[in-house]
PDB file of N, CA and C in Angstrom:
ATOM      1  N   MET A   1      80.061  94.781  99.339  1.00  0.00           N
ATOM      2  CA  MET A   1      79.461  96.002  99.496  1.00  0.00           C
ATOM      3  C   MET A   1      81.118  96.964  99.396  1.00  0.00           C
ATOM      4  N   PRO A   2      80.193  97.939  99.030  1.00  0.00           N
ATOM      5  CA  PRO A   2      80.943  99.463  98.520  1.00  0.00           C
ATOM      6  C   PRO A   2      81.935 100.151 100.126  1.00  0.00           C
ATOM      7  N   ASP A   3      82.801 100.139  99.448  1.00  0.00           N
ATOM      8  CA  ASP A   3      83.859 101.229  99.838  1.00  0.00           C
ATOM      9  C   ASP A   3      83.365 102.520 100.531  1.00  0.00           C
ATOM     10  N   ILE A   4      83.694 103.235 101.639  1.00  0.00           N
ATOM     11  CA  ILE A   4      83.181 104.766 101.113  1.00  0.00           C
ATOM     12  C   ILE A   4      84.334 105.856 100.883  1.00  0.00           C
ATOM     13  N   THR A   5      83.268 106.172  99.701  1.00  0.00           N
ATOM     14  CA  THR A   5      84.177 107.043  98.677  1.00  0.00           C
ATOM     15  C   THR A   5      83.484 108.407  98.214  1.00  0.00           C
ATOM     16  N   THR A   6      81.947 108.654  98.449  1.00  0.00           N
ATOM     17  CA  THR A   6      81.372 109.571  98.661  1.00  0.00           C
ATOM     18  C   THR A   6      80.825 110.857  99.752  1.00  0.00           C
ATOM     19  N   GLU A   7      80.798 111.756  99.840  1.00  0.00           N
ATOM     20  CA  GLU A   7      79.599 112.534 100.945  1.00  0.00           C
ATOM     21  C   GLU A   7      78.452 111.436 101.243  1.00  0.00           C
ATOM     22  N   ALA A   8      77.592 111.286 100.465  1.00  0.00           N
ATOM     23  CA  ALA A   8      76.558 109.993 101.008  1.00  0.00           C
ATOM     24  C   ALA A   8      77.028 109.114 101.300  1.00  0.00           C
ATOM     25  N   ASP A   9      78.033 108.562 101.440  1.00  0.00           N
ATOM     26  CA  ASP A   9      78.650 107.584 102.474  1.00  0.00           C
ATOM     27  C   ASP A   9      78.598 107.503 103.692  1.00  0.00           C
ATOM     28  N   VAL A  10      79.742 108.713 103.419  1.00  0.00           N
ATOM     29  CA  VAL A  10      79.923 109.229 104.677  1.00  0.00           C
ATOM     30  C   VAL A  10      78.808 109.904 105.618  1.00  0.00           C
ATOM     31  N   GLN A  11      77.737 110.388 105.405  1.00  0.00           N
ATOM     32  CA  GLN A  11      76.226 110.638 105.509  1.00  0.00           C
ATOM     33  C   GLN A  11      75.719 109.655 106.204  1.00  0.00           C
ATOM     34  N   LEU A  12      75.769 108.342 105.365  1.00  0.00           N
ATOM     35  CA  LEU A  12      75.221 107.208 105.954  1.00  0.00           C
ATOM     36  C   LEU A  12      75.640 106.302 106.877  1.00  0.00           C
ATOM     37  N   LEU A  13      77.169 106.608 107.109  1.00  0.00           N
ATOM     38  CA  LEU A  13      77.818 105.911 108.254  1.00  0.00           C
ATOM     39  C   LEU A  13      77.817 106.598 109.813  1.00  0.00           C
ATOM     40  N   VAL A  14      77.443 107.937 109.072  1.00  0.00           N
ATOM     41  CA  VAL A  14      77.367 108.861 110.470  1.00  0.00           C
ATOM     42  C   VAL A  14      75.744 108.752 110.943  1.00  0.00           C
ATOM     43  N   ASP A  15      74.789 108.926 110.092  1.00  0.00           N
ATOM     44  CA  ASP A  15      73.765 108.617 110.427  1.00  0.00           C
ATOM     45  C   ASP A  15      73.376 107.307 111.085  1.00  0.00           C
ATOM     46  N   SER A  16      74.029 106.222 110.090  1.00  0.00           N
ATOM     47  CA  SER A  16      73.589 105.119 110.959  1.00  0.00           C
ATOM     48  C   SER A  16      74.423 104.793 112.659  1.00  0.00           C
ATOM     49  N   PHE A  17      75.284 105.147 112.779  1.00  0.00           N
ATOM     50  CA  PHE A  17      75.970 105.386 113.896  1.00  0.00           C
ATOM     51  C   PHE A  17      75.332 105.591 115.150  1.00  0.00           C
ATOM     52  N   TYR A  18      74.442 106.973 114.466  1.00  0.00           N
ATOM     53  CA  TYR A  18      73.963 107.731 115.609  1.00  0.00           C
ATOM     54  C   TYR A  18      72.354 106.809 115.663  1.00  0.00           C
ATOM     55  N   GLU A  19      71.826 106.550 114.997  1.00  0.00           N
ATOM     56  CA  GLU A  19      70.456 105.197 114.762  1.00  0.00           C
ATOM     57  C   GLU A  19      71.014 104.158 116.674  1.00  0.00           C
ATOM     58  N   ARG A  20      72.162 104.122 115.847  1.00  0.00           N
ATOM     59  CA  ARG A  20      72.809 103.146 116.984  1.00  0.00           C
ATOM     60  C   ARG A  20      72.532 103.354 118.298  1.00  0.00           C
ATOM     61  N   ALA A  21      73.401 104.816 118.292  1.00  0.00           N
ATOM     62  CA  ALA A  21      73.972 105.602 119.413  1.00  0.00           C
ATOM     63  C   ALA A  21      72.674 105.734 120.204  1.00  0.00           C
ATOM     64  N   LEU A  22      71.451 106.557 119.987  1.00  0.00           N
ATOM     65  CA  LEU A  22      70.425 107.273 120.080  1.00  0.00           C
ATOM     66  C   LEU A  22      69.574 105.823 120.660  1.00  0.00           C
ATOM     67  N   ALA A  23      69.469 104.879 119.792  1.00  0.00           N
ATOM     68  CA  ALA A  23      69.224 103.391 120.860  1.00  0.00           C
ATOM     69  C   ALA A  23      69.804 102.957 121.689  1.00  0.00           C
ATOM     70  N   ASP A  24      70.525 103.035 122.217  1.00  0.00           N
ATOM     71  CA  ASP A  24      71.752 102.280 123.158  1.00  0.00           C
ATOM     72  C   ASP A  24      71.671 102.911 124.599  1.00  0.00           C
ATOM     73  N   PRO A  25      71.042 101.730 125.496  1.00  0.00           N
ATOM     74  CA  PRO A  25      70.789 102.699 127.245  1.00  0.00           C
ATOM     75  C   PRO A  25      71.841 103.158 128.055  1.00  0.00           C
ATOM     76  N   LEU A  26      72.931 103.176 126.965  1.00  0.00           N
ATOM     77  CA  LEU A  26      73.978 103.707 128.018  1.00  0.00           C
ATOM     78  C   LEU A  26      74.420 104.423 126.982  1.00  0.00           C
ATOM     79  N   LEU A  27      74.463 104.974 125.973  1.00  0.00           N
ATOM     80  CA  LEU A  27      74.592 106.438 125.086  1.00  0.00           C
ATOM     81  C   LEU A  27      73.812 106.876 124.774  1.00  0.00           C
ATOM     82  N   ALA A  28      72.461 106.954 124.842  1.00  0.00           N
ATOM     83  CA  ALA A  28      71.471 108.043 124.594  1.00  0.00           C
ATOM     84  C   ALA A  28      70.746 108.716 125.916  1.00  0.00           C
ATOM     85  N   PRO A  29      71.163 108.552 127.041  1.00  0.00           N
ATOM     86  CA  PRO A  29      71.096 109.385 128.100  1.00  0.00           C
ATOM     87  C   PRO A  29      72.620 110.254 128.010  1.00  0.00           C
ATOM     88  N   VAL A  30      73.460 110.103 127.491  1.00  0.00           N
ATOM     89  CA  VAL A  30      74.576 111.203 127.562  1.00  0.00           C
ATOM     90  C   VAL A  30      74.336 112.527 126.324  1.00  0.00           C
ATOM     91  N   PHE A  31      73.860 111.543 125.073  1.00  0.00           N
ATOM     92  CA  PHE A  31      73.806 112.385 124.417  1.00  0.00           C
ATOM     93  C   PHE A  31      72.304 113.539 124.454  1.00  0.00           C
ATOM     94  N   VAL A  32      71.067 112.663 124.850  1.00  0.00           N
ATOM     95  CA  VAL A  32      69.552 113.238 125.178  1.00  0.00           C
ATOM     96  C   VAL A  32      68.959 113.854 126.018  1.00  0.00           C
ATOM     97  N   ASP A  33      69.671 113.387 127.476  1.00  0.00           N
ATOM     98  CA  ASP A  33      69.331 113.933 128.517  1.00  0.00           C
ATOM     99  C   ASP A  33      70.092 114.445 129.184  1.00  0.00           C
ATOM    100  N   PHE A  34      71.564 114.229 129.204  1.00  0.00           N
ATOM    101  CA  PHE A  34      72.638 115.072 129.797  1.00  0.00           C
ATOM    102  C   PHE A  34      73.487 116.633 128.548  1.00  0.00           C
ATOM    103  N   ALA A  35      73.837 116.104 127.729  1.00  0.00           N
ATOM    104  CA  ALA A  35      73.749 117.341 126.996  1.00  0.00           C
ATOM    105  C   ALA A  35      72.521 117.812 126.021  1.00  0.00           C
ATOM    106  N   HIS A  36      71.808 117.301 125.560  1.00  0.00           N
ATOM    107  CA  HIS A  36      70.784 117.793 124.982  1.00  0.00           C
ATOM    108  C   HIS A  36      71.413 118.020 123.555  1.00  0.00           C
ATOM    109  N   VAL A  37      71.584 116.966 122.803  1.00  0.00           N
ATOM    110  CA  VAL A  37      72.448 117.971 121.749  1.00  0.00           C
ATOM    111  C   VAL A  37      71.172 117.975 120.842  1.00  0.00           C
ATOM    112  N   ASP A  38      71.441 119.016 119.839  1.00  0.00           N
ATOM    113  CA  ASP A  38      70.993 119.287 118.682  1.00  0.00           C
ATOM    114  C   ASP A  38      71.080 119.390 117.505  1.00  0.00           C
ATOM    115  N   PHE A  39      70.624 117.884 116.695  1.00  0.00           N
ATOM    116  CA  PHE A  39      71.166 117.258 115.899  1.00  0.00           C
ATOM    117  C   PHE A  39      71.140 117.689 114.610  1.00  0.00           C
ATOM    118  N   SER A  40      70.121 118.238 114.588  1.00  0.00           N
ATOM    119  CA  SER A  40      70.687 119.418 113.394  1.00  0.00           C
ATOM    120  C   SER A  40      71.295 120.277 113.179  1.00  0.00           C
ATOM    121  N   HIS A  41      72.162 120.519 114.336  1.00  0.00           N
ATOM    122  CA  HIS A  41      73.314 121.558 114.233  1.00  0.00           C
ATOM    123  C   HIS A  41      74.477 120.286 114.137  1.00  0.00           C
ATOM    124  N   HIS A  42      74.423 119.166 114.908  1.00  0.00           N
ATOM    125  CA  HIS A  42      75.432 118.378 115.458  1.00  0.00           C
ATOM    126  C   HIS A  42      75.791 117.524 114.001  1.00  0.00           C
ATOM    127  N   LEU A  43      74.762 116.831 113.439  1.00  0.00           N
ATOM    128  CA  LEU A  43      74.923 115.981 112.589  1.00  0.00           C
ATOM    129  C   LEU A  43      76.207 116.848 111.237  1.00  0.00           C
ATOM    130  N   PRO A  44      75.436 117.841 110.565  1.00  0.00           N
ATOM    131  CA  PRO A  44      76.647 118.358 109.683  1.00  0.00           C
ATOM    132  C   PRO A  44      77.779 118.720 110.178  1.00  0.00           C
ATOM    133  N   GLN A  45      78.640 118.682 111.528  1.00  0.00           N
ATOM    134  CA  GLN A  45      79.660 118.926 112.056  1.00  0.00           C
ATOM    135  C   GLN A  45      79.817 117.944 111.879  1.00  0.00           C
ATOM    136  N   LEU A  46      79.903 116.531 112.002  1.00  0.00           N
ATOM    137  CA  LEU A  46      80.067 114.964 112.263  1.00  0.00           C
ATOM    138  C   LEU A  46      80.065 114.750 110.582  1.00  0.00           C
ATOM    139  N   TYR A  47      79.418 115.197 109.889  1.00  0.00           N
ATOM    140  CA  TYR A  47      80.103 114.836 108.175  1.00  0.00           C
ATOM    141  C   TYR A  47      81.288 115.696 108.062  1.00  0.00           C
ATOM    142  N   ASP A  48      80.701 116.214 108.165  1.00  0.00           N
ATOM    143  CA  ASP A  48      82.320 117.476 107.709  1.00  0.00           C
ATOM    144  C   ASP A  48      83.843 116.983 108.735  1.00  0.00           C
ATOM    145  N   PHE A  49      83.577 116.484 110.237  1.00  0.00           N
ATOM    146  CA  PHE A  49      84.449 115.944 110.728  1.00  0.00           C
ATOM    147  C   PHE A  49      85.442 114.151 109.891  1.00  0.00           C
ATOM    148  N   TRP A  50      84.333 113.833 109.267  1.00  0.00           N
ATOM    149  CA  TRP A  50      84.327 112.570 108.887  1.00  0.00           C
ATOM    150  C   TRP A  50      85.074 112.550 107.513  1.00  0.00           C
ATOM    151  N   SER A  51      84.307 113.283 106.683  1.00  0.00           N
ATOM    152  CA  SER A  51      84.597 114.351 105.491  1.00  0.00           C
ATOM    153  C   SER A  51      86.070 114.373 105.969  1.00  0.00           C
ATOM    154  N   GLY A  52      86.447 114.782 105.911  1.00  0.00           N
ATOM    155  CA  GLY A  52      87.614 115.201 106.337  1.00  0.00           C
ATOM    156  C   GLY A  52      88.746 114.529 106.851  1.00  0.00           C
ATOM    157  N   ILE A  53      88.242 113.287 107.173  1.00  0.00           N
ATOM    158  CA  ILE A  53      89.293 112.157 107.407  1.00  0.00           C
ATOM    159  C   ILE A  53      89.160 111.352 106.325  1.00  0.00           C
ATOM    160  N   LEU A  54      88.109 110.874 105.903  1.00  0.00           N
ATOM    161  CA  LEU A  54      88.053 109.452 104.841  1.00  0.00           C
ATOM    162  C   LEU A  54      88.219 110.388 103.323  1.00  0.00           C
ATOM    163  N   LEU A  55      88.171 111.677 103.557  1.00  0.00           N
ATOM    164  CA  LEU A  55      87.590 111.548 101.885  1.00  0.00           C
ATOM    165  C   LEU A  55      89.013 113.052 101.268  1.00  0.00           C
ATOM    166  N   GLY A  56      89.329 113.667 102.845  1.00  0.00           N
ATOM    167  CA  GLY A  56      90.398 114.509 102.482  1.00  0.00           C
ATOM    168  C   GLY A  56      90.059 115.876 101.996  1.00  0.00           C
ATOM    169  N   THR A  57      88.926 116.393 102.805  1.00  0.00           N
ATOM    170  CA  THR A  57      88.096 117.125 102.515  1.00  0.00           C
ATOM    171  C   THR A  57      88.537 118.088 103.773  1.00  0.00           C
ATOM    172  N   SER A  58      88.559 119.688 103.683  1.00  0.00           N
ATOM    173  CA  SER A  58      88.799 120.465 104.680  1.00  0.00           C
ATOM    174  C   SER A  58      87.591 121.014 105.542  1.00  0.00           C
ATOM    175  N   ARG A  59      86.568 121.012 105.535  1.00  0.00           N
ATOM    176  CA  ARG A  59      85.431 121.466 105.497  1.00  0.00           C
ATOM    177  C   ARG A  59      85.341 121.541 107.819  1.00  0.00           C
ATOM    178  N   TYR A  60      85.784 120.758 108.001  1.00  0.00           N
ATOM    179  CA  TYR A  60      85.213 120.627 109.636  1.00  0.00           C
ATOM    180  C   TYR A  60      86.562 121.964 109.999  1.00  0.00           C
ATOM    181  N   ARG A  61      85.336 122.702 111.500  1.00  0.00           N
ATOM    182  CA  ARG A  61      85.997 123.795 112.311  1.00  0.00           C
ATOM    183  C   ARG A  61      85.430 123.515 113.381  1.00  0.00           C
ATOM    184  N   GLY A  62      86.642 123.272 113.982  1.00  0.00           N
ATOM    185  CA  GLY A  62      85.946 123.187 115.639  1.00  0.00           C
ATOM    186  C   GLY A  62      86.815 122.506 116.331  1.00  0.00           C
ATOM    187  N   PHE A  63      86.431 122.105 117.794  1.00  0.00           N
ATOM    188  CA  PHE A  63      87.154 121.935 118.864  1.00  0.00           C
ATOM    189  C   PHE A  63      86.619 120.469 119.753  1.00  0.00           C
ATOM    190  N   PRO A  64      86.546 119.551 119.234  1.00  0.00           N
ATOM    191  CA  PRO A  64      85.684 118.452 119.986  1.00  0.00           C
ATOM    192  C   PRO A  64      85.914 118.775 121.106  1.00  0.00           C
ATOM    193  N   MET A  65      87.048 118.145 121.777  1.00  0.00           N
ATOM    194  CA  MET A  65      87.500 117.837 123.127  1.00  0.00           C
ATOM    195  C   MET A  65      86.712 118.806 124.325  1.00  0.00           C
ATOM    196  N   ARG A  66      86.474 119.908 124.110  1.00  0.00           N
ATOM    197  CA  ARG A  66      85.792 121.023 124.381  1.00  0.00           C
ATOM    198  C   ARG A  66      84.586 120.320 125.167  1.00  0.00           C
ATOM    199  N   LYS A  67      83.970 120.201 124.187  1.00  0.00           N
ATOM    200  CA  LYS A  67      82.300 119.736 124.305  1.00  0.00           C
ATOM    201  C   LYS A  67      82.260 118.286 125.486  1.00  0.00           C
ATOM    202  N   HIS A  68      83.379 117.886 125.650  1.00  0.00           N
ATOM    203  CA  HIS A  68      83.479 116.357 125.490  1.00  0.00           C
ATOM    204  C   HIS A  68      83.500 116.460 127.082  1.00  0.00           C
ATOM    205  N   PHE A  69      84.103 117.253 127.873  1.00  0.00           N
ATOM    206  CA  PHE A  69      84.976 117.819 128.873  1.00  0.00           C
ATOM    207  C   PHE A  69      83.813 117.536 129.772  1.00  0.00           C
ATOM    208  N   PRO A  70      82.893 118.183 129.816  1.00  0.00           N
ATOM    209  CA  PRO A  70      81.714 118.193 130.752  1.00  0.00           C
ATOM    210  C   PRO A  70      80.691 116.897 131.473  1.00  0.00           C
ATOM    211  N   LEU A  71      80.907 115.871 130.226  1.00  0.00           N
ATOM    212  CA  LEU A  71      79.890 114.962 129.679  1.00  0.00           C
ATOM    213  C   LEU A  71      80.525 113.392 131.069  1.00  0.00           C
ATOM    214  N   PRO A  72      79.042 113.174 131.874  1.00  0.00           N
ATOM    215  CA  PRO A  72      78.904 112.156 132.755  1.00  0.00           C
ATOM    216  C   PRO A  72      79.810 110.629 132.161  1.00  0.00           C
ATOM    217  N   ILE A  73      80.885 110.774 131.617  1.00  0.00           N
ATOM    218  CA  ILE A  73      81.320 109.442 130.812  1.00  0.00           C
ATOM    219  C   ILE A  73      82.411 108.742 131.293  1.00  0.00           C
ATOM    220  N   GLY A  74      82.483 107.554 131.023  1.00  0.00           N
ATOM    221  CA  GLY A  74      83.426 106.804 131.253  1.00  0.00           C
ATOM    222  C   GLY A  74      84.312 105.679 130.888  1.00  0.00           C
ATOM    223  N   LEU A  75      84.780 104.775 130.976  1.00  0.00           N
ATOM    224  CA  LEU A  75      85.735 104.189 129.911  1.00  0.00           C
ATOM    225  C   LEU A  75      84.698 103.008 128.786  1.00  0.00           C
ATOM    226  N   ALA A  76      83.435 102.715 129.561  1.00  0.00           N
ATOM    227  CA  ALA A  76      82.467 102.603 128.977  1.00  0.00           C
ATOM    228  C   ALA A  76      81.865 102.618 128.180  1.00  0.00           C
ATOM    229  N   HIS A  77      81.981 104.159 128.252  1.00  0.00           N
ATOM    230  CA  HIS A  77      80.909 105.049 126.876  1.00  0.00           C
ATOM    231  C   HIS A  77      81.806 104.749 125.731  1.00  0.00           C
ATOM    232  N   PHE A  78      82.971 105.220 125.939  1.00  0.00           N
ATOM    233  CA  PHE A  78      84.015 104.996 124.683  1.00  0.00           C
ATOM    234  C   PHE A  78      83.954 103.432 123.895  1.00  0.00           C
ATOM    235  N   GLU A  79      83.842 102.473 124.985  1.00  0.00           N
ATOM    236  CA  GLU A  79      83.858 101.062 124.265  1.00  0.00           C
ATOM    237  C   GLU A  79      82.864 100.795 123.592  1.00  0.00           C
ATOM    238  N   ARG A  80      81.959 101.896 124.202  1.00  0.00           N
ATOM    239  CA  ARG A  80      80.397 101.283 123.327  1.00  0.00           C
ATOM    240  C   ARG A  80      80.265 102.582 122.076  1.00  0.00           C
ATOM    241  N   TRP A  81      81.005 103.269 122.371  1.00  0.00           N
ATOM    242  CA  TRP A  81      81.067 104.317 120.911  1.00  0.00           C
ATOM    243  C   TRP A  81      81.480 103.392 120.107  1.00  0.00           C
ATOM    244  N   LEU A  82      82.938 102.627 120.478  1.00  0.00           N
ATOM    245  CA  LEU A  82      83.652 102.442 119.200  1.00  0.00           C
ATOM    246  C   LEU A  82      83.182 101.053 118.437  1.00  0.00           C
ATOM    247  N   ALA A  83      82.363 100.104 119.684  1.00  0.00           N
ATOM    248  CA  ALA A  83      81.456  98.870 119.344  1.00  0.00           C
ATOM    249  C   ALA A  83      80.689  99.543 118.140  1.00  0.00           C
ATOM    250  N   LEU A  84      79.660 100.274 118.051  1.00  0.00           N
ATOM    251  CA  LEU A  84      78.467 101.207 118.100  1.00  0.00           C
ATOM    252  C   LEU A  84      79.004 101.288 115.849  1.00  0.00           C
ATOM    253  N   PHE A  85      80.134 102.376 116.376  1.00  0.00           N
ATOM    254  CA  PHE A  85      80.961 102.536 114.793  1.00  0.00           C
ATOM    255  C   PHE A  85      81.369 101.564 114.284  1.00  0.00           C
ATOM    256  N   HIS A  86      81.949 100.998 114.777  1.00  0.00           N
ATOM    257  CA  HIS A  86      82.802  99.654 113.725  1.00  0.00           C
ATOM    258  C   HIS A  86      81.009  99.158 113.037  1.00  0.00           C
ATOM    259  N   GLN A  87      80.762  98.694 114.133  1.00  0.00           N
ATOM    260  CA  GLN A  87      79.302  98.066 113.451  1.00  0.00           C
ATOM    261  C   GLN A  87      78.005  99.097 111.851  1.00  0.00           C
ATOM    262  N   ALA A  88      78.387 100.538 112.275  1.00  0.00           N
ATOM    263  CA  ALA A  88      78.037 101.098 111.514  1.00  0.00           C
ATOM    264  C   ALA A  88      78.928 100.990 110.096  1.00  0.00           C
ATOM    265  N   VAL A  89      79.807 100.729 110.179  1.00  0.00           N
ATOM    266  CA  VAL A  89      80.789 100.900 109.030  1.00  0.00           C
ATOM    267  C   VAL A  89      80.382  99.409 108.230  1.00  0.00           C
ATOM    268  N   ASP A  90      80.522  98.477 109.246  1.00  0.00           N
ATOM    269  CA  ASP A  90      80.484  96.824 108.904  1.00  0.00           C
ATOM    270  C   ASP A  90      79.184  96.710 108.140  1.00  0.00           C
ATOM    271  N   ALA A  91      78.040  97.631 108.901  1.00  0.00           N
ATOM    272  CA  ALA A  91      76.829  97.164 108.096  1.00  0.00           C
ATOM    273  C   ALA A  91      76.589  97.631 106.162  1.00  0.00           C
ATOM    274  N   HIS A  92      77.851  98.535 106.594  1.00  0.00           N
ATOM    275  CA  HIS A  92      77.280  99.404 105.266  1.00  0.00           C
ATOM    276  C   HIS A  92      78.243  99.507 103.652  1.00  0.00           C
ATOM    277  N   PHE A  93      79.643  99.114 104.713  1.00  0.00           N
ATOM    278  CA  PHE A  93      80.961  99.145 103.852  1.00  0.00           C
ATOM    279  C   PHE A  93      82.203  98.189 104.104  1.00  0.00           C
ATOM    280  N   ALA A  94      82.544  97.995 103.194  1.00  0.00           N
ATOM    281  CA  ALA A  94      83.742  97.131 103.181  1.00  0.00           C
ATOM    282  C   ALA A  94      85.049  97.922 102.386  1.00  0.00           C
ATOM    283  N   GLY A  95      86.287  97.483 102.850  1.00  0.00           N
ATOM    284  CA  GLY A  95      87.487  98.374 102.034  1.00  0.00           C
ATOM    285  C   GLY A  95      88.515  98.951 102.558  1.00  0.00           C
ATOM    286  N   PRO A  96      89.338  99.807 102.097  1.00  0.00           N
ATOM    287  CA  PRO A  96      90.313 100.593 102.175  1.00  0.00           C
ATOM    288  C   PRO A  96      89.854 101.293 103.248  1.00  0.00           C
ATOM    289  N   VAL A  97      88.852 102.580 102.780  1.00  0.00           N
ATOM    290  CA  VAL A  97      88.076 103.373 103.506  1.00  0.00           C
ATOM    291  C   VAL A  97      87.486 102.632 104.738  1.00  0.00           C
ATOM    292  N   ALA A  98      86.889 102.115 104.376  1.00  0.00           N
ATOM    293  CA  ALA A  98      86.065 101.359 105.735  1.00  0.00           C
ATOM    294  C   ALA A  98      87.550 100.894 106.992  1.00  0.00           C
ATOM    295  N   GLU A  99      87.877 100.735 106.537  1.00  0.00           N
ATOM    296  CA  GLU A  99      88.720 100.025 107.436  1.00  0.00           C
ATOM    297  C   GLU A  99      89.797 101.573 108.300  1.00  0.00           C
ATOM    298  N   GLN A 100      90.141 102.113 107.854  1.00  0.00           N
ATOM    299  CA  GLN A 100      90.348 103.443 107.709  1.00  0.00           C
ATOM    300  C   GLN A 100      89.356 104.466 108.460  1.00  0.00           C
ATOM    301  N   ALA A 101      88.172 103.987 108.634  1.00  0.00           N
ATOM    302  CA  ALA A 101      87.186 104.660 109.600  1.00  0.00           C
ATOM    303  C   ALA A 101      87.350 103.736 110.534  1.00  0.00           C
ATOM    304  N   LYS A 102      87.666 102.744 110.420  1.00  0.00           N
ATOM    305  CA  LYS A 102      87.156 102.260 112.028  1.00  0.00           C
ATOM    306  C   LYS A 102      88.730 102.250 112.788  1.00  0.00           C
ATOM    307  N   GLN A 103      89.871 102.440 112.216  1.00  0.00           N
ATOM    308  CA  GLN A 103      91.358 102.673 112.602  1.00  0.00           C
ATOM    309  C   GLN A 103      91.284 103.707 113.421  1.00  0.00           C
ATOM    310  N   HIS A 104      90.627 104.887 112.278  1.00  0.00           N
ATOM    311  CA  HIS A 104      90.644 106.093 112.832  1.00  0.00           C
ATOM    312  C   HIS A 104      90.009 106.429 114.499  1.00  0.00           C
ATOM    313  N   ALA A 105      88.763 105.800 114.291  1.00  0.00           N
ATOM    314  CA  ALA A 105      87.373 106.036 115.431  1.00  0.00           C
ATOM    315  C   ALA A 105      88.383 105.302 116.753  1.00  0.00           C
ATOM    316  N   VAL A 106      89.284 103.809 116.236  1.00  0.00           N
ATOM    317  CA  VAL A 106      89.936 103.916 117.731  1.00  0.00           C
ATOM    318  C   VAL A 106      90.852 104.876 118.030  1.00  0.00           C
ATOM    319  N   HIS A 107      91.627 105.481 117.295  1.00  0.00           N
ATOM    320  CA  HIS A 107      92.864 106.355 117.842  1.00  0.00           C
ATOM    321  C   HIS A 107      92.116 107.511 118.284  1.00  0.00           C
ATOM    322  N   VAL A 108      90.607 108.091 117.708  1.00  0.00           N
ATOM    323  CA  VAL A 108      89.629 109.483 118.255  1.00  0.00           C
ATOM    324  C   VAL A 108      89.657 108.593 119.641  1.00  0.00           C
ATOM    325  N   GLY A 109      88.911 107.852 120.158  1.00  0.00           N
ATOM    326  CA  GLY A 109      88.425 107.275 120.790  1.00  0.00           C
ATOM    327  C   GLY A 109      89.813 107.084 121.955  1.00  0.00           C
ATOM    328  N   ARG A 110      90.466 106.651 121.673  1.00  0.00           N
ATOM    329  CA  ARG A 110      92.030 106.726 122.369  1.00  0.00           C
ATOM    330  C   ARG A 110      92.073 108.268 123.045  1.00  0.00           C
ATOM    331  N   VAL A 111      92.640 108.712 121.843  1.00  0.00           N
ATOM    332  CA  VAL A 111      92.678 110.196 122.638  1.00  0.00           C
ATOM    333  C   VAL A 111      91.738 111.079 123.665  1.00  0.00           C
ATOM    334  N   PHE A 112      90.635 110.910 123.163  1.00  0.00           N
ATOM    335  CA  PHE A 112      89.322 111.200 123.926  1.00  0.00           C
ATOM    336  C   PHE A 112      89.403 110.795 125.654  1.00  0.00           C
ATOM    337  N   ALA A 113      89.496 109.323 125.445  1.00  0.00           N
ATOM    338  CA  ALA A 113      89.353 109.078 126.559  1.00  0.00           C
ATOM    339  C   ALA A 113      91.077 109.175 127.336  1.00  0.00           C
ATOM    340  N   THR A 114      92.161 109.204 126.922  1.00  0.00           N
ATOM    341  CA  THR A 114      93.476 109.668 128.154  1.00  0.00           C
ATOM    342  C   THR A 114      92.948 110.989 127.998  1.00  0.00           C
ATOM    343  N   ARG A 115      92.582 111.813 127.378  1.00  0.00           N
ATOM    344  CA  ARG A 115      92.419 113.589 127.813  1.00  0.00           C
ATOM    345  C   ARG A 115      91.487 113.798 128.605  1.00  0.00           C
ATOM    346  N   LEU A 116      90.411 112.548 128.565  1.00  0.00           N
ATOM    347  CA  LEU A 116      89.408 112.889 129.939  1.00  0.00           C
ATOM    348  C   LEU A 116      89.623 112.044 131.307  1.00  0.00           C
ATOM    349  N   GLY A 117      90.809 111.824 131.609  1.00  0.00           N
ATOM    350  CA  GLY A 117      91.805 111.147 132.373  1.00  0.00           C
ATOM    351  C   GLY A 117      91.027 109.443 132.428  1.00  0.00           C
ATOM    352  N   LEU A 118      90.525 108.512 131.333  1.00  0.00           N
ATOM    353  CA  LEU A 118      89.998 107.653 131.737  1.00  0.00           C
ATOM    354  C   LEU A 118      91.161 106.644 131.962  1.00  0.00           C
ATOM    355  N   PHE A 119      91.792 106.665 131.499  1.00  0.00           N
ATOM    356  CA  PHE A 119      93.183 105.454 131.136  1.00  0.00           C
ATOM    357  C   PHE A 119      94.278 106.412 130.520  1.00  0.00           C
ATOM    358  N   ALA A 120      95.623 106.022 131.034  1.00  0.00           N
ATOM    359  CA  ALA A 120      96.475 106.454 130.925  1.00  0.00           C
ATOM    360  C   ALA A 120      97.207 105.516 129.090  1.00  0.00           C
ATOM    361  N   PRO A 121      97.827 106.394 128.515  1.00  0.00           N
ATOM    362  CA  PRO A 121      98.478 105.553 127.559  1.00  0.00           C
ATOM    363  C   PRO A 121      99.491 104.891 128.050  1.00  0.00           C
ATOM    364  N   PRO A 122      99.584 103.733 127.568  1.00  0.00           N
ATOM    365  CA  PRO A 122     100.902 102.908 127.782  1.00  0.00           C
ATOM    366  C   PRO A 122     101.606 103.347 127.624  1.00  0.00           C
ATOM    367  N   ALA A 123     102.680 102.943 128.395  1.00  0.00           N
ATOM    368  CA  ALA A 123     104.314 103.277 128.636  1.00  0.00           C
ATOM    369  C   ALA A 123     105.139 102.735 127.338  1.00  0.00           C
ATOM    370  N   GLU A 124     105.920 103.813 126.986  1.00  0.00           N
ATOM    371  CA  GLU A 124     106.291 103.321 125.774  1.00  0.00           C
ATOM    372  C   GLU A 124     108.349 102.518 126.058  1.00  0.00           C
TER     373      GLU A 124
END
């Protein structure tokens, strides 16, 4: 399988993840019923976010934490999000950038879950 190297790859990754998330009985209600996500607006932002992380572009402008505070989510949601994200990566890509995508998803999930008070970071 190819690695993630182009904008088209980033879009495939994001689209593949959201296909899974919107079919998932735990995550879909958060996106559809509670947040009423406008995917015509949301997906391009996510393409820019992940393109910045994986390809080094700098188009993303935003503060994603703010939008997540009011959501009815728990640790199980982050665990499912991470599992589905890893599935989306593994279904289409292999290589160092694909591994970076998975590692960054773990980091993003930990930061969000910690800031939302879902668990405390480990003591150092």
